[in-house]
C-alpha atoms as a PDB file:
ATOM      1  CA  UNK A   1     -42.194 239.538-119.903  1.00  0.00           C
ATOM      2  CA  UNK A   2     -41.824 243.263-120.548  1.00  0.00           C
ATOM      3  CA  UNK A   3     -44.357 245.758-119.218  1.00  0.00           C
ATOM      4  CA  UNK A   4     -46.074 248.356-121.353  1.00  0.00           C
ATOM      5  CA  UNK A   5     -46.777 252.043-120.872  1.00  0.00           C
ATOM      6  CA  UNK A   6     -47.646 254.730-123.349  1.00  0.00           C
ATOM      7  CA  UNK A   7     -46.016 258.212-123.677  1.00  0.00           C
ATOM      8  CA  UNK A   8     -47.868 260.860-125.522  1.00  0.00           C
ATOM      9  CA  UNK A   9     -46.070 264.167-126.319  1.00  0.00           C
ATOM     10  CA  UNK A  10     -48.206 267.335-125.945  1.00  0.00           C
ATOM     11  CA  UNK A  11     -47.212 270.926-126.241  1.00  0.00           C
ATOM     12  CA  UNK A  12     -49.316 272.000-123.161  1.00  0.00           C
ATOM     13  CA  UNK A  13     -49.853 269.689-120.206  1.00  0.00           C
ATOM     14  CA  UNK A  14     -53.036 271.270-118.993  1.00  0.00           C
ATOM     15  CA  UNK A  15     -54.652 271.077-122.410  1.00  0.00           C
ATOM     16  CA  UNK A  16     -53.434 267.452-122.768  1.00  0.00           C
ATOM     17  CA  UNK A  17     -54.701 266.533-119.372  1.00  0.00           C
ATOM     18  CA  UNK A  18     -58.097 268.176-120.103  1.00  0.00           C
ATOM     19  CA  UNK A  19     -58.505 266.342-123.420  1.00  0.00           C
ATOM     20  CA  UNK A  20     -57.555 262.849-122.180  1.00  0.00           C
ATOM     21  CA  UNK A  21     -59.577 263.137-118.986  1.00  0.00           C
ATOM     22  CA  UNK A  22     -62.712 264.693-120.414  1.00  0.00           C
ATOM     23  CA  UNK A  23     -62.495 263.196-123.927  1.00  0.00           C
ATOM     24  CA  UNK A  24     -61.522 259.648-123.009  1.00  0.00           C
ATOM     25  CA  UNK A  25     -62.426 259.390-119.313  1.00  0.00           C
ATOM     26  CA  UNK A  26     -58.874 258.762-118.031  1.00  0.00           C
ATOM     27  CA  UNK A  27     -57.978 259.714-114.464  1.00  0.00           C
ATOM     28  CA  UNK A  28     -54.918 261.721-113.442  1.00  0.00           C
ATOM     29  CA  UNK A  29     -52.653 260.052-110.981  1.00  0.00           C
ATOM     30  CA  UNK A  30     -49.030 260.974-110.238  1.00  0.00           C
ATOM     31  CA  UNK A  31     -47.247 264.128-111.413  1.00  0.00           C
ATOM     32  CA  UNK A  32     -43.575 264.393-112.127  1.00  0.00           C
ATOM     33  CA  UNK A  33     -42.179 267.839-112.046  1.00  0.00           C
ATOM     34  CA  UNK A  34     -44.307 270.198-114.105  1.00  0.00           C
ATOM     35  CA  UNK A  35     -43.854 268.337-117.390  1.00  0.00           C
ATOM     36  CA  UNK A  36     -45.460 264.890-116.937  1.00  0.00           C
ATOM     37  CA  UNK A  37     -48.737 263.547-115.647  1.00  0.00           C
ATOM     38  CA  UNK A  38     -49.649 259.908-115.352  1.00  0.00           C
ATOM     39  CA  UNK A  39     -53.127 258.948-116.489  1.00  0.00           C
ATOM     40  CA  UNK A  40     -54.862 255.691-115.491  1.00  0.00           C
ATOM     41  CA  UNK A  41     -57.926 253.864-116.669  1.00  0.00           C
ATOM     42  CA  UNK A  42     -56.785 252.437-120.037  1.00  0.00           C
ATOM     43  CA  UNK A  43     -55.322 249.222-118.879  1.00  0.00           C
ATOM     44  CA  UNK A  44     -51.767 250.502-119.062  1.00  0.00           C
ATOM     45  CA  UNK A  45     -50.513 253.840-117.741  1.00  0.00           C
ATOM     46  CA  UNK A  46     -50.355 256.738-120.123  1.00  0.00           C
ATOM     47  CA  UNK A  47     -47.839 259.522-119.539  1.00  0.00           C
ATOM     48  CA  UNK A  48     -48.494 262.944-121.060  1.00  0.00           C
ATOM     49  CA  UNK A  49     -45.143 264.586-121.542  1.00  0.00           C
ATOM     50  CA  UNK A  50     -44.652 268.280-122.401  1.00  0.00           C
ATOM     51  CA  UNK A  51     -42.429 268.618-125.465  1.00  0.00           C
ATOM     52  CA  UNK A  52     -42.526 272.054-127.086  1.00  0.00           C
ATOM     53  CA  UNK A  53     -43.325 272.336-130.808  1.00  0.00           C
ATOM     54  CA  UNK A  54     -40.060 272.619-132.781  1.00  0.00           C
ATOM     55  CA  UNK A  55     -37.988 270.684-130.292  1.00  0.00           C
ATOM     56  CA  UNK A  56     -35.903 267.852-131.558  1.00  0.00           C
ATOM     57  CA  UNK A  57     -37.086 264.289-131.945  1.00  0.00           C
ATOM     58  CA  UNK A  58     -34.608 261.909-130.400  1.00  0.00           C
ATOM     59  CA  UNK A  59     -30.874 261.926-130.051  1.00  0.00           C
ATOM     60  CA  UNK A  60     -30.365 260.894-133.763  1.00  0.00           C
ATOM     61  CA  UNK A  61     -31.806 264.200-134.939  1.00  0.00           C
ATOM     62  CA  UNK A  62     -35.074 262.699-136.305  1.00  0.00           C
ATOM     63  CA  UNK A  63     -36.318 266.210-137.170  1.00  0.00           C
ATOM     64  CA  UNK A  64     -38.330 268.783-135.292  1.00  0.00           C
ATOM     65  CA  UNK A  65     -41.473 267.944-133.360  1.00  0.00           C
ATOM     66  CA  UNK A  66     -44.671 269.444-134.745  1.00  0.00           C
ATOM     67  CA  UNK A  67     -48.296 269.179-133.623  1.00  0.00           C
ATOM     68  CA  UNK A  68     -50.028 269.362-137.031  1.00  0.00           C
ATOM     69  CA  UNK A  69     -51.863 266.170-137.895  1.00  0.00           C
ATOM     70  CA  UNK A  70     -49.151 263.594-138.403  1.00  0.00           C
ATOM     71  CA  UNK A  71     -49.006 259.861-139.113  1.00  0.00           C
ATOM     72  CA  UNK A  72     -47.181 257.241-137.167  1.00  0.00           C
ATOM     73  CA  UNK A  73     -47.327 253.449-137.580  1.00  0.00           C
ATOM     74  CA  UNK A  74     -48.086 253.221-133.814  1.00  0.00           C
ATOM     75  CA  UNK A  75     -51.368 254.636-132.417  1.00  0.00           C
ATOM     76  CA  UNK A  76     -53.647 253.998-129.450  1.00  0.00           C
ATOM     77  CA  UNK A  77     -56.929 252.110-129.643  1.00  0.00           C
ATOM     78  CA  UNK A  78     -59.241 252.668-126.680  1.00  0.00           C
ATOM     79  CA  UNK A  79     -62.084 250.202-126.266  1.00  0.00           C
ATOM     80  CA  UNK A  80     -65.456 251.454-125.243  1.00  0.00           C
ATOM     81  CA  UNK A  81     -68.863 250.031-124.299  1.00  0.00           C
ATOM     82  CA  UNK A  82     -70.862 252.636-126.207  1.00  0.00           C
ATOM     83  CA  UNK A  83     -69.167 253.941-129.419  1.00  0.00           C
ATOM     84  CA  UNK A  84     -71.725 256.610-130.125  1.00  0.00           C
ATOM     85  CA  UNK A  85     -71.440 258.172-126.649  1.00  0.00           C
ATOM     86  CA  UNK A  86     -67.652 257.873-126.738  1.00  0.00           C
ATOM     87  CA  UNK A  87     -67.462 259.543-130.114  1.00  0.00           C
ATOM     88  CA  UNK A  88     -69.628 262.476-128.922  1.00  0.00           C
ATOM     89  CA  UNK A  89     -67.521 262.855-125.753  1.00  0.00           C
ATOM     90  CA  UNK A  90     -64.188 262.819-127.623  1.00  0.00           C
ATOM     91  CA  UNK A  91     -65.414 265.381-130.205  1.00  0.00           C
ATOM     92  CA  UNK A  92     -66.851 267.604-127.500  1.00  0.00           C
ATOM     93  CA  UNK A  93     -63.397 267.577-125.807  1.00  0.00           C
ATOM     94  CA  UNK A  94     -61.588 268.568-129.065  1.00  0.00           C
ATOM     95  CA  UNK A  95     -60.900 265.483-131.037  1.00  0.00           C
ATOM     96  CA  UNK A  96     -61.294 265.538-134.837  1.00  0.00           C
ATOM     97  CA  UNK A  97     -63.340 262.629-136.097  1.00  0.00           C
ATOM     98  CA  UNK A  98     -61.517 261.479-139.266  1.00  0.00           C
ATOM     99  CA  UNK A  99     -63.555 258.371-140.200  1.00  0.00           C
ATOM    100  CA  UNK A 100     -66.437 256.420-138.996  1.00  0.00           C
ATOM    101  CA  UNK A 101     -68.144 255.129-137.028  1.00  0.00           C
ATOM    102  CA  UNK A 102     -67.638 252.046-139.235  1.00  0.00           C
ATOM    103  CA  UNK A 103     -69.369 248.664-138.978  1.00  0.00           C
ATOM    104  CA  UNK A 104     -66.720 246.050-139.075  1.00  0.00           C
ATOM    105  CA  UNK A 105     -66.702 242.218-138.502  1.00  0.00           C
ATOM    106  CA  UNK A 106     -65.363 242.620-134.971  1.00  0.00           C
ATOM    107  CA  UNK A 107     -67.577 245.588-133.910  1.00  0.00           C
ATOM    108  CA  UNK A 108     -67.688 249.283-134.605  1.00  0.00           C
ATOM    109  CA  UNK A 109     -64.778 251.699-134.849  1.00  0.00           C
ATOM    110  CA  UNK A 110     -64.149 255.473-135.287  1.00  0.00           C
ATOM    111  CA  UNK A 111     -60.787 257.050-136.083  1.00  0.00           C
ATOM    112  CA  UNK A 112     -59.562 260.425-134.707  1.00  0.00           C
ATOM    113  CA  UNK A 113     -56.861 262.942-134.278  1.00  0.00           C
ATOM    114  CA  UNK A 114     -56.428 264.355-130.774  1.00  0.00           C
ATOM    115  CA  UNK A 115     -55.968 268.175-130.482  1.00  0.00           C
ATOM    116  CA  UNK A 116     -52.263 267.674-130.801  1.00  0.00           C
ATOM    117  CA  UNK A 117     -52.202 265.740-134.053  1.00  0.00           C
ATOM    118  CA  UNK A 118     -51.894 262.262-132.543  1.00  0.00           C
ATOM    119  CA  UNK A 119     -54.113 259.551-134.138  1.00  0.00           C
ATOM    120  CA  UNK A 120     -56.265 257.172-132.049  1.00  0.00           C
ATOM    121  CA  UNK A 121     -59.243 254.953-132.500  1.00  0.00           C
ATOM    122  CA  UNK A 122     -62.250 254.143-130.405  1.00  0.00           C
ATOM    123  CA  UNK A 123     -63.491 250.521-130.820  1.00  0.00           C
ATOM    124  CA  UNK A 124     -66.735 248.961-129.455  1.00  0.00           C
ATOM    125  CA  UNK A 125     -66.160 245.149-129.851  1.00  0.00           C
ATOM    126  CA  UNK A 126     -69.083 242.867-130.635  1.00  0.00           C
ATOM    127  CA  UNK A 127     -69.383 239.485-128.939  1.00  0.00           C
ATOM    128  CA  UNK A 128     -66.795 237.899-131.257  1.00  0.00           C
ATOM    129  CA  UNK A 129     -64.281 240.696-131.194  1.00  0.00           C
ATOM    130  CA  UNK A 130     -61.077 240.059-133.072  1.00  0.00           C
ATOM    131  CA  UNK A 131     -61.958 236.363-133.205  1.00  0.00           C
ATOM    132  CA  UNK A 132     -64.190 237.377-136.140  1.00  0.00           C
ATOM    133  CA  UNK A 133     -61.065 238.035-138.095  1.00  0.00           C
ATOM    134  CA  UNK A 134     -59.059 235.036-136.841  1.00  0.00           C
ATOM    135  CA  UNK A 135     -61.696 232.675-138.106  1.00  0.00           C
ATOM    136  CA  UNK A 136     -60.801 233.596-141.744  1.00  0.00           C
END
């Protein structure tokens, strides 16, 4: 079975580390050179990687990296025990609340952009969690 880790590009490592530790409660672990920090506490390791704005995206020339709000079909969902407290903490650290908190069949959810334009959600599951959707 393959393992999973998450890489998040940021233009400034100190700013990225400050947001993800203060805003989401992750803990810094290993550092690799001056361009990568490993963050723990999300169930899988998250690596913040410095990539300057305007730098190329991939070897196939997928365009230039930018840190305006952008959309990607892959984003991170962080589960929390207290959504209201987590929303306040994320916003205080620099996240932009884009929608919510919403009451949903599986719990409550809020959608954000981090200070670097990456989308993420905070989810507080109820007792049924995603089983509420699976029951159809």
